[in-house]
């Protein structure tokens, strides 16, 4: 039953509400990114393999960040505040595209730095 509740709480992001600001690879930290609130979310794209355990940190000196990992169709897989640790789903043998979707928790314009790490299993 818990899995059903968690699934129902997940959302899909509308393409028009997400501004892709670049791509990241494992081990990279972005340059500071201005996320104005228009559109609603900013995002980085990354490629990952099923079962990769990722650590995403989104930081701002000015406030808290909403952060989510979404699949290639922008369906939310997990979310948190400032940081999420998540194992990517295994859907096949090939790498897949994922998004790190973020914004200020209050929807205010902010500058963010995003770090993507692959954790050891």
N, C-alpha and C. Protein backbone atom coordinates (compact mmCIF):
# COMPACT_ATOMS: atom_id res chain seq x y z
N UNK A 1 0.81 -1.19 0.00
CA UNK A 1 0.00 0.00 0.00
C UNK A 1 0.86 1.26 0.00
N UNK A 2 1.98 1.27 0.73
CA UNK A 2 2.85 2.44 0.75
C UNK A 2 3.34 2.80 -0.64
N UNK A 3 3.72 1.80 -1.44
CA UNK A 3 4.19 2.06 -2.79
C UNK A 3 3.11 2.74 -3.62
N UNK A 4 1.87 2.35 -3.46
CA UNK A 4 0.77 2.96 -4.20
C UNK A 4 0.62 4.42 -3.79
N UNK A 5 0.69 4.72 -2.52
CA UNK A 5 0.57 6.10 -2.05
C UNK A 5 1.73 6.94 -2.59
N UNK A 6 2.95 6.41 -2.53
CA UNK A 6 4.10 7.14 -3.03
C UNK A 6 3.97 7.40 -4.54
N UNK A 7 3.49 6.43 -5.28
CA UNK A 7 3.32 6.58 -6.71
C UNK A 7 2.30 7.67 -7.02
N UNK A 8 1.20 7.70 -6.29
CA UNK A 8 0.17 8.69 -6.54
C UNK A 8 0.63 10.10 -6.20
N UNK A 9 1.59 10.24 -5.30
CA UNK A 9 2.08 11.55 -4.91
C UNK A 9 3.05 12.13 -5.94
N UNK A 10 3.63 11.30 -6.80
CA UNK A 10 4.58 11.77 -7.81
C UNK A 10 3.85 12.58 -8.87
N UNK A 11 4.60 13.47 -9.50
CA UNK A 11 4.02 14.30 -10.54
C UNK A 11 4.83 14.19 -11.82
N UNK A 12 4.27 14.68 -12.88
CA UNK A 12 5.01 14.87 -14.11
C UNK A 12 5.14 16.37 -14.34
N UNK A 13 6.30 16.79 -14.77
CA UNK A 13 6.53 18.20 -15.05
C UNK A 13 6.13 18.48 -16.50
N UNK A 14 5.47 19.60 -16.73
CA UNK A 14 5.13 20.02 -18.09
C UNK A 14 6.37 20.57 -18.76
N UNK A 15 6.60 20.20 -20.01
CA UNK A 15 7.77 20.64 -20.75
C UNK A 15 7.88 22.16 -20.73
N UNK A 16 6.77 22.87 -20.87
CA UNK A 16 6.78 24.33 -20.88
C UNK A 16 7.12 24.96 -19.54
N UNK A 17 7.09 24.18 -18.47
CA UNK A 17 7.40 24.69 -17.13
C UNK A 17 8.85 24.45 -16.72
N UNK A 18 9.65 23.84 -17.62
CA UNK A 18 11.02 23.46 -17.28
C UNK A 18 11.99 24.07 -18.29
N UNK A 19 12.96 24.83 -17.79
CA UNK A 19 14.02 25.40 -18.63
C UNK A 19 15.28 24.58 -18.42
N UNK A 20 15.73 23.88 -19.46
CA UNK A 20 16.97 23.11 -19.37
C UNK A 20 18.14 24.08 -19.50
N UNK A 21 19.00 24.11 -18.47
CA UNK A 21 20.10 25.07 -18.41
C UNK A 21 21.45 24.45 -18.74
N UNK A 22 21.48 23.15 -19.01
CA UNK A 22 22.73 22.50 -19.37
C UNK A 22 22.70 21.02 -19.04
N UNK A 23 23.88 20.40 -19.13
CA UNK A 23 23.99 18.99 -18.80
C UNK A 23 25.12 18.81 -17.80
N UNK A 24 25.03 17.74 -17.03
CA UNK A 24 26.05 17.39 -16.06
C UNK A 24 26.45 15.94 -16.24
N UNK A 25 27.67 15.64 -15.88
CA UNK A 25 28.15 14.26 -15.82
C UNK A 25 28.48 13.96 -14.37
N UNK A 26 28.56 12.68 -14.04
CA UNK A 26 28.91 12.29 -12.69
C UNK A 26 30.22 12.96 -12.27
N UNK A 27 30.23 13.50 -11.05
CA UNK A 27 31.41 14.15 -10.53
C UNK A 27 31.49 15.64 -10.83
N UNK A 28 30.55 16.18 -11.56
CA UNK A 28 30.59 17.59 -11.93
C UNK A 28 29.75 18.46 -10.99
N UNK A 29 30.19 19.71 -10.86
CA UNK A 29 29.45 20.76 -10.18
C UNK A 29 29.24 21.88 -11.19
N UNK A 30 28.03 22.37 -11.26
CA UNK A 30 27.70 23.42 -12.22
C UNK A 30 28.29 24.76 -11.81
N UNK A 31 28.40 25.64 -12.76
CA UNK A 31 28.62 27.05 -12.46
C UNK A 31 27.33 27.57 -11.84
N UNK A 32 27.36 28.69 -11.16
CA UNK A 32 26.11 29.24 -10.62
C UNK A 32 25.09 29.49 -11.74
N UNK A 33 23.84 29.11 -11.46
CA UNK A 33 22.76 29.21 -12.44
C UNK A 33 21.65 30.08 -11.85
N UNK A 34 21.23 31.09 -12.61
CA UNK A 34 20.10 31.91 -12.19
C UNK A 34 18.82 31.22 -12.61
N UNK A 35 17.96 30.99 -11.64
CA UNK A 35 16.65 30.38 -11.88
C UNK A 35 15.62 31.44 -11.49
N UNK A 36 15.02 32.08 -12.49
CA UNK A 36 14.19 33.26 -12.27
C UNK A 36 12.78 32.96 -11.80
N UNK A 37 12.34 31.72 -11.95
CA UNK A 37 10.95 31.38 -11.63
C UNK A 37 10.06 31.42 -12.85
N UNK A 38 10.62 31.84 -14.00
CA UNK A 38 9.89 31.83 -15.27
C UNK A 38 10.78 31.18 -16.31
N UNK A 39 10.47 29.98 -16.77
CA UNK A 39 9.38 29.13 -16.34
C UNK A 39 9.58 28.67 -14.89
N UNK A 40 8.68 27.85 -14.42
CA UNK A 40 8.62 27.49 -13.00
C UNK A 40 9.87 26.78 -12.48
N UNK A 41 10.52 25.95 -13.31
CA UNK A 41 11.64 25.11 -12.88
C UNK A 41 12.83 25.27 -13.82
N UNK A 42 14.02 25.04 -13.28
CA UNK A 42 15.23 24.88 -14.07
C UNK A 42 15.62 23.41 -14.01
N UNK A 43 16.44 22.97 -14.96
CA UNK A 43 16.83 21.56 -14.97
C UNK A 43 18.18 21.37 -15.65
N UNK A 44 18.92 20.39 -15.16
CA UNK A 44 20.09 19.86 -15.83
C UNK A 44 19.74 18.46 -16.32
N UNK A 45 20.33 18.08 -17.44
CA UNK A 45 20.15 16.75 -18.02
C UNK A 45 21.39 15.93 -17.70
N UNK A 46 21.19 14.63 -17.40
CA UNK A 46 22.32 13.73 -17.27
C UNK A 46 21.92 12.34 -17.76
N UNK A 47 22.92 11.54 -18.10
CA UNK A 47 22.69 10.16 -18.53
C UNK A 47 23.14 9.23 -17.42
N UNK A 48 22.34 8.18 -17.20
CA UNK A 48 22.67 7.22 -16.17
C UNK A 48 22.20 5.83 -16.53
N UNK A 49 22.83 4.85 -15.92
CA UNK A 49 22.48 3.44 -16.09
C UNK A 49 21.52 3.02 -14.99
N UNK A 50 20.69 2.04 -15.28
CA UNK A 50 19.83 1.48 -14.26
C UNK A 50 20.64 0.99 -13.07
N UNK A 51 20.17 1.22 -11.89
CA UNK A 51 20.79 0.86 -10.62
C UNK A 51 21.94 1.78 -10.21
N UNK A 52 22.29 2.81 -11.03
CA UNK A 52 23.26 3.80 -10.57
C UNK A 52 22.65 4.50 -9.36
N UNK A 53 23.44 4.65 -8.32
CA UNK A 53 22.99 5.38 -7.12
C UNK A 53 23.57 6.78 -7.21
N UNK A 54 22.70 7.78 -7.29
CA UNK A 54 23.14 9.15 -7.51
C UNK A 54 22.86 10.02 -6.28
N UNK A 55 23.72 11.00 -6.10
CA UNK A 55 23.60 11.99 -5.03
C UNK A 55 23.57 13.35 -5.72
N UNK A 56 22.46 14.06 -5.57
CA UNK A 56 22.29 15.37 -6.20
C UNK A 56 22.15 16.40 -5.09
N UNK A 57 22.99 17.44 -5.15
CA UNK A 57 22.94 18.52 -4.18
C UNK A 57 22.66 19.82 -4.94
N UNK A 58 21.62 20.54 -4.52
CA UNK A 58 21.26 21.83 -5.12
C UNK A 58 21.35 22.85 -3.99
N UNK A 59 22.26 23.81 -4.13
CA UNK A 59 22.45 24.76 -3.05
C UNK A 59 22.32 26.20 -3.52
N UNK A 60 21.88 27.03 -2.59
CA UNK A 60 21.77 28.47 -2.80
C UNK A 60 22.11 29.14 -1.49
N UNK A 61 22.83 30.23 -1.56
CA UNK A 61 23.18 30.96 -0.34
C UNK A 61 21.97 31.69 0.23
N UNK A 62 20.90 31.76 -0.55
CA UNK A 62 19.77 32.61 -0.17
C UNK A 62 18.52 31.88 0.29
N UNK A 63 18.44 30.58 0.12
CA UNK A 63 17.21 29.89 0.50
C UNK A 63 17.29 28.40 0.27
N UNK A 64 16.17 27.72 0.45
CA UNK A 64 16.08 26.28 0.26
C UNK A 64 15.64 25.98 -1.16
N UNK A 65 16.10 24.84 -1.66
CA UNK A 65 15.77 24.42 -3.02
C UNK A 65 14.85 23.21 -2.99
N UNK A 66 13.84 23.23 -3.83
CA UNK A 66 13.09 22.03 -4.19
C UNK A 66 13.93 21.35 -5.25
N UNK A 67 14.16 20.05 -5.11
CA UNK A 67 14.93 19.30 -6.10
C UNK A 67 14.23 17.97 -6.37
N UNK A 68 14.20 17.59 -7.64
CA UNK A 68 13.61 16.30 -8.03
C UNK A 68 14.48 15.68 -9.11
N UNK A 69 14.42 14.37 -9.19
CA UNK A 69 14.99 13.64 -10.33
C UNK A 69 13.80 13.14 -11.13
N UNK A 70 13.84 13.40 -12.43
CA UNK A 70 12.76 12.97 -13.32
C UNK A 70 13.35 12.15 -14.45
N UNK A 71 12.54 11.26 -15.00
CA UNK A 71 13.00 10.44 -16.12
C UNK A 71 12.94 11.24 -17.42
N UNK A 72 13.23 10.60 -18.53
CA UNK A 72 13.27 11.27 -19.83
C UNK A 72 11.95 11.85 -20.27
N UNK A 73 10.84 11.39 -19.70
CA UNK A 73 9.51 11.93 -20.00
C UNK A 73 9.10 13.00 -18.98
N UNK A 74 10.04 13.42 -18.13
CA UNK A 74 9.81 14.40 -17.06
C UNK A 74 8.83 13.91 -16.00
N UNK A 75 8.75 12.59 -15.81
CA UNK A 75 7.95 12.03 -14.71
C UNK A 75 8.84 11.99 -13.47
N UNK A 76 8.37 12.56 -12.38
CA UNK A 76 9.13 12.63 -11.14
C UNK A 76 9.39 11.23 -10.58
N UNK A 77 10.66 10.97 -10.24
CA UNK A 77 11.04 9.70 -9.63
C UNK A 77 11.27 9.84 -8.13
N UNK A 78 11.79 10.97 -7.71
CA UNK A 78 12.01 11.28 -6.30
C UNK A 78 12.14 12.78 -6.15
N UNK A 79 11.95 13.26 -4.91
CA UNK A 79 12.08 14.70 -4.67
C UNK A 79 12.56 14.92 -3.25
N UNK A 80 13.03 16.14 -2.99
CA UNK A 80 13.49 16.49 -1.66
C UNK A 80 13.78 17.97 -1.56
N UNK A 81 14.43 18.32 -0.47
CA UNK A 81 14.84 19.70 -0.24
C UNK A 81 16.36 19.74 -0.20
N UNK A 82 16.94 20.48 -1.12
CA UNK A 82 18.39 20.69 -1.26
C UNK A 82 19.19 19.47 -1.72
N UNK A 83 18.79 18.25 -1.34
CA UNK A 83 19.59 17.07 -1.70
C UNK A 83 18.71 15.84 -1.82
N UNK A 84 19.01 15.01 -2.81
CA UNK A 84 18.36 13.71 -2.92
C UNK A 84 19.42 12.66 -3.24
N UNK A 85 19.22 11.48 -2.70
CA UNK A 85 20.03 10.30 -3.01
C UNK A 85 19.05 9.27 -3.52
N UNK A 86 19.36 8.68 -4.70
CA UNK A 86 18.36 7.84 -5.36
C UNK A 86 19.05 6.82 -6.26
N UNK A 87 18.50 5.60 -6.32
CA UNK A 87 18.96 4.58 -7.26
C UNK A 87 18.10 4.64 -8.50
N UNK A 88 18.72 4.86 -9.65
CA UNK A 88 17.99 4.97 -10.90
C UNK A 88 17.33 3.64 -11.25
N UNK A 89 16.12 3.68 -11.81
CA UNK A 89 15.43 2.43 -12.14
C UNK A 89 16.11 1.70 -13.29
N UNK A 90 16.07 0.38 -13.22
CA UNK A 90 16.61 -0.44 -14.31
C UNK A 90 15.48 -0.73 -15.28
N UNK A 91 15.62 -0.21 -16.49
CA UNK A 91 14.60 -0.40 -17.53
C UNK A 91 15.16 -1.10 -18.76
N UNK A 92 16.45 -1.36 -18.74
CA UNK A 92 17.07 -2.01 -19.87
C UNK A 92 18.57 -1.86 -19.77
N UNK A 93 19.30 -2.38 -20.77
CA UNK A 93 20.76 -2.38 -20.68
C UNK A 93 21.41 -1.03 -21.04
N UNK A 94 20.69 -0.15 -21.70
CA UNK A 94 21.30 1.09 -22.19
C UNK A 94 21.15 2.24 -21.19
N UNK A 95 22.07 3.20 -21.29
CA UNK A 95 21.96 4.41 -20.48
C UNK A 95 20.69 5.16 -20.88
N UNK A 96 20.11 5.87 -19.92
CA UNK A 96 18.91 6.66 -20.18
C UNK A 96 19.14 8.10 -19.75
N UNK A 97 18.28 8.97 -20.25
CA UNK A 97 18.35 10.38 -19.92
C UNK A 97 17.47 10.68 -18.71
N UNK A 98 18.02 11.48 -17.80
CA UNK A 98 17.30 11.91 -16.60
C UNK A 98 17.47 13.42 -16.45
N UNK A 99 16.58 14.00 -15.65
CA UNK A 99 16.63 15.43 -15.38
C UNK A 99 16.76 15.68 -13.89
N UNK A 100 17.57 16.68 -13.53
CA UNK A 100 17.61 17.22 -12.18
C UNK A 100 16.78 18.50 -12.27
N UNK A 101 15.60 18.48 -11.69
CA UNK A 101 14.65 19.60 -11.77
C UNK A 101 14.71 20.34 -10.43
N UNK A 102 14.82 21.66 -10.49
CA UNK A 102 14.97 22.42 -9.25
C UNK A 102 14.40 23.83 -9.36
N UNK A 103 14.16 24.41 -8.19
CA UNK A 103 13.73 25.80 -8.06
C UNK A 103 13.80 26.17 -6.59
N UNK A 104 13.61 27.43 -6.30
CA UNK A 104 13.51 27.88 -4.92
C UNK A 104 12.25 27.29 -4.32
N UNK A 105 12.32 26.86 -3.08
CA UNK A 105 11.15 26.25 -2.43
C UNK A 105 9.94 27.19 -2.38
N UNK A 106 10.21 28.49 -2.35
CA UNK A 106 9.13 29.47 -2.32
C UNK A 106 8.83 30.07 -3.69
N UNK A 107 9.49 29.57 -4.74
CA UNK A 107 9.25 30.07 -6.09
C UNK A 107 9.90 31.41 -6.39
N UNK A 108 10.84 31.84 -5.54
CA UNK A 108 11.51 33.13 -5.74
C UNK A 108 12.71 32.97 -6.67
N UNK A 109 13.10 34.03 -7.37
CA UNK A 109 14.31 33.97 -8.18
C UNK A 109 15.53 33.75 -7.29
N UNK A 110 16.37 32.80 -7.66
CA UNK A 110 17.57 32.48 -6.88
C UNK A 110 18.68 32.03 -7.81
N UNK A 111 19.89 32.01 -7.27
CA UNK A 111 21.06 31.48 -7.97
C UNK A 111 21.44 30.18 -7.28
N UNK A 112 21.62 29.12 -8.07
CA UNK A 112 21.89 27.78 -7.55
C UNK A 112 23.17 27.20 -8.12
N UNK A 113 23.77 26.31 -7.34
CA UNK A 113 24.88 25.47 -7.80
C UNK A 113 24.43 24.03 -7.61
N UNK A 114 24.63 23.21 -8.65
CA UNK A 114 24.16 21.82 -8.63
C UNK A 114 25.35 20.88 -8.76
N UNK A 115 25.39 19.87 -7.89
CA UNK A 115 26.45 18.85 -7.92
C UNK A 115 25.80 17.49 -8.14
N UNK A 116 26.37 16.70 -9.06
CA UNK A 116 25.89 15.36 -9.36
C UNK A 116 27.01 14.37 -9.09
N UNK A 117 26.77 13.41 -8.21
CA UNK A 117 27.75 12.37 -7.89
C UNK A 117 27.14 11.00 -8.09
N UNK A 118 27.96 10.06 -8.50
CA UNK A 118 27.57 8.65 -8.53
C UNK A 118 28.20 8.01 -7.30
N UNK A 119 27.36 7.38 -6.47
CA UNK A 119 27.84 6.73 -5.26
C UNK A 119 28.20 5.28 -5.55
N UNK A 120 29.13 4.78 -4.79
CA UNK A 120 29.50 3.37 -4.90
C UNK A 120 28.37 2.52 -4.37
N UNK A 121 28.18 1.35 -4.95
CA UNK A 121 27.10 0.46 -4.53
C UNK A 121 27.46 -0.28 -3.28
